[in-house]
Amino acid sequence: MANLEYRDHLISVSVIYDTPNKFQFAPVIDIRHADSIQVLNTILTEEAFDTIRNATEFGFGLGREWVDKWLAEP
């Protein structure tokens, strides 16, 4: 699991195998306030990647987008 602190939130990305053949990886993104253990949102995607690094980077991008939208809402 990889973590990134962004705008007072903690984005955690886990990577799972996307297929039974175990050759593609999909990110699972959990988002919390930086000072809390309670998960605000979990993001699952149908996107799959050939490397763990690519899946993780994509997951961080989705997490940052979610935080930006969350903070922009009244």
C-alpha atoms as a PDB file:
ATOM      1  CA  MET A   1       0.000   0.000   0.000  1.00  0.00           C
ATOM      2  CA  ALA A   2       1.242   3.451  -0.899  1.00  0.00           C
ATOM      3  CA  ASN A   3       0.177   6.660   0.851  1.00  0.00           C
ATOM      4  CA  LEU A   4       0.073  10.288  -0.191  1.00  0.00           C
ATOM      5  CA  GLU A   5      -0.925  13.264   1.922  1.00  0.00           C
ATOM      6  CA  TYR A   6      -2.818  15.813  -0.173  1.00  0.00           C
ATOM      7  CA  ARG A   7      -4.687  18.904   1.010  1.00  0.00           C
ATOM      8  CA  ASP A   8      -5.048  17.608   4.585  1.00  0.00           C
ATOM      9  CA  HIS A   9      -6.263  14.204   3.373  1.00  0.00           C
ATOM     10  CA  LEU A  10      -4.522  10.835   3.241  1.00  0.00           C
ATOM     11  CA  ILE A  11      -4.868   8.931  -0.024  1.00  0.00           C
ATOM     12  CA  SER A  12      -3.987   5.231   0.256  1.00  0.00           C
ATOM     13  CA  VAL A  13      -3.646   3.095  -2.844  1.00  0.00           C
ATOM     14  CA  SER A  14      -3.619  -0.697  -2.737  1.00  0.00           C
ATOM     15  CA  VAL A  15      -3.081  -2.683  -5.896  1.00  0.00           C
ATOM     16  CA  ILE A  16      -4.887  -5.940  -6.616  1.00  0.00           C
ATOM     17  CA  TYR A  17      -4.741  -8.387  -9.490  1.00  0.00           C
ATOM     18  CA  ASP A  18      -7.394  -7.509 -12.066  1.00  0.00           C
ATOM     19  CA  THR A  19      -7.633 -10.889 -13.761  1.00  0.00           C
ATOM     20  CA  PRO A  20      -7.415 -14.539 -12.723  1.00  0.00           C
ATOM     21  CA  ASN A  21      -4.223 -14.830 -14.813  1.00  0.00           C
ATOM     22  CA  LYS A  22      -2.606 -12.229 -12.528  1.00  0.00           C
ATOM     23  CA  PHE A  23      -1.029 -10.146 -15.266  1.00  0.00           C
ATOM     24  CA  GLN A  24      -2.841  -6.823 -14.805  1.00  0.00           C
ATOM     25  CA  PHE A  25      -3.181  -4.606 -11.752  1.00  0.00           C
ATOM     26  CA  ALA A  26      -6.071  -2.431 -10.577  1.00  0.00           C
ATOM     27  CA  PRO A  27      -5.881   0.291  -7.915  1.00  0.00           C
ATOM     28  CA  VAL A  28      -8.140   0.450  -4.865  1.00  0.00           C
ATOM     29  CA  ILE A  29      -8.166   3.953  -3.377  1.00  0.00           C
ATOM     30  CA  ASP A  30      -9.118   4.844   0.224  1.00  0.00           C
ATOM     31  CA  ILE A  31      -9.404   8.492   1.250  1.00  0.00           C
ATOM     32  CA  ARG A  32      -9.359   9.788   4.838  1.00  0.00           C
ATOM     33  CA  HIS A  33      -8.839  13.057   6.625  1.00  0.00           C
ATOM     34  CA  ALA A  34      -5.134  13.131   7.439  1.00  0.00           C
ATOM     35  CA  ASP A  35      -5.794  12.948  11.191  1.00  0.00           C
ATOM     36  CA  SER A  36      -8.476  10.216  11.124  1.00  0.00           C
ATOM     37  CA  ILE A  37      -8.723   6.477  10.577  1.00  0.00           C
ATOM     38  CA  GLN A  38     -12.288   6.720   9.241  1.00  0.00           C
ATOM     39  CA  VAL A  39     -12.448   6.176   5.479  1.00  0.00           C
ATOM     40  CA  LEU A  40     -14.383   8.948   3.724  1.00  0.00           C
ATOM     41  CA  ASN A  41     -14.537   7.136   0.403  1.00  0.00           C
ATOM     42  CA  THR A  42     -13.226   4.057  -1.384  1.00  0.00           C
ATOM     43  CA  ILE A  43     -12.792   4.251  -5.128  1.00  0.00           C
ATOM     44  CA  LEU A  44     -12.781   1.146  -7.306  1.00  0.00           C
ATOM     45  CA  THR A  45     -12.119   1.384 -11.010  1.00  0.00           C
ATOM     46  CA  GLU A  46     -12.285  -0.921 -13.999  1.00  0.00           C
ATOM     47  CA  GLU A  47      -8.961   0.453 -15.223  1.00  0.00           C
ATOM     48  CA  ALA A  48      -6.119  -2.078 -15.255  1.00  0.00           C
ATOM     49  CA  PHE A  49      -2.399  -1.546 -15.744  1.00  0.00           C
ATOM     50  CA  ASP A  50       0.619  -3.611 -16.673  1.00  0.00           C
ATOM     51  CA  THR A  51       2.666  -2.479 -13.659  1.00  0.00           C
ATOM     52  CA  ILE A  52       1.991  -1.818 -10.000  1.00  0.00           C
ATOM     53  CA  ARG A  53       3.633   1.586 -10.344  1.00  0.00           C
ATOM     54  CA  ASN A  54       1.261   2.677 -13.128  1.00  0.00           C
ATOM     55  CA  ALA A  55      -1.764   1.454 -11.164  1.00  0.00           C
ATOM     56  CA  THR A  56      -0.572   3.321  -8.059  1.00  0.00           C
ATOM     57  CA  GLU A  57       0.052   6.582  -9.928  1.00  0.00           C
ATOM     58  CA  PHE A  58      -3.388   6.370 -11.544  1.00  0.00           C
ATOM     59  CA  GLY A  59      -4.920   5.727  -8.120  1.00  0.00           C
ATOM     60  CA  PHE A  60      -3.258   8.806  -6.650  1.00  0.00           C
ATOM     61  CA  GLY A  61      -4.610  10.857  -9.565  1.00  0.00           C
ATOM     62  CA  LEU A  62      -8.163   9.637  -8.915  1.00  0.00           C
ATOM     63  CA  GLY A  63      -7.726  10.306  -5.202  1.00  0.00           C
ATOM     64  CA  ARG A  64      -6.531  13.877  -5.789  1.00  0.00           C
ATOM     65  CA  GLU A  65      -9.484  14.515  -8.134  1.00  0.00           C
ATOM     66  CA  TRP A  66     -11.914  13.228  -5.509  1.00  0.00           C
ATOM     67  CA  VAL A  67     -10.386  15.400  -2.757  1.00  0.00           C
ATOM     68  CA  ASP A  68     -10.510  18.495  -4.979  1.00  0.00           C
ATOM     69  CA  LYS A  69     -14.183  17.850  -5.757  1.00  0.00           C
ATOM     70  CA  TRP A  70     -14.990  17.072  -2.091  1.00  0.00           C
ATOM     71  CA  LEU A  71     -13.397  20.329  -0.903  1.00  0.00           C
ATOM     72  CA  ALA A  72     -15.096  22.362  -3.647  1.00  0.00           C
ATOM     73  CA  GLU A  73     -18.611  21.239  -2.649  1.00  0.00           C
ATOM     74  CA  PRO A  74     -20.450  23.559  -0.238  1.00  0.00           C
END
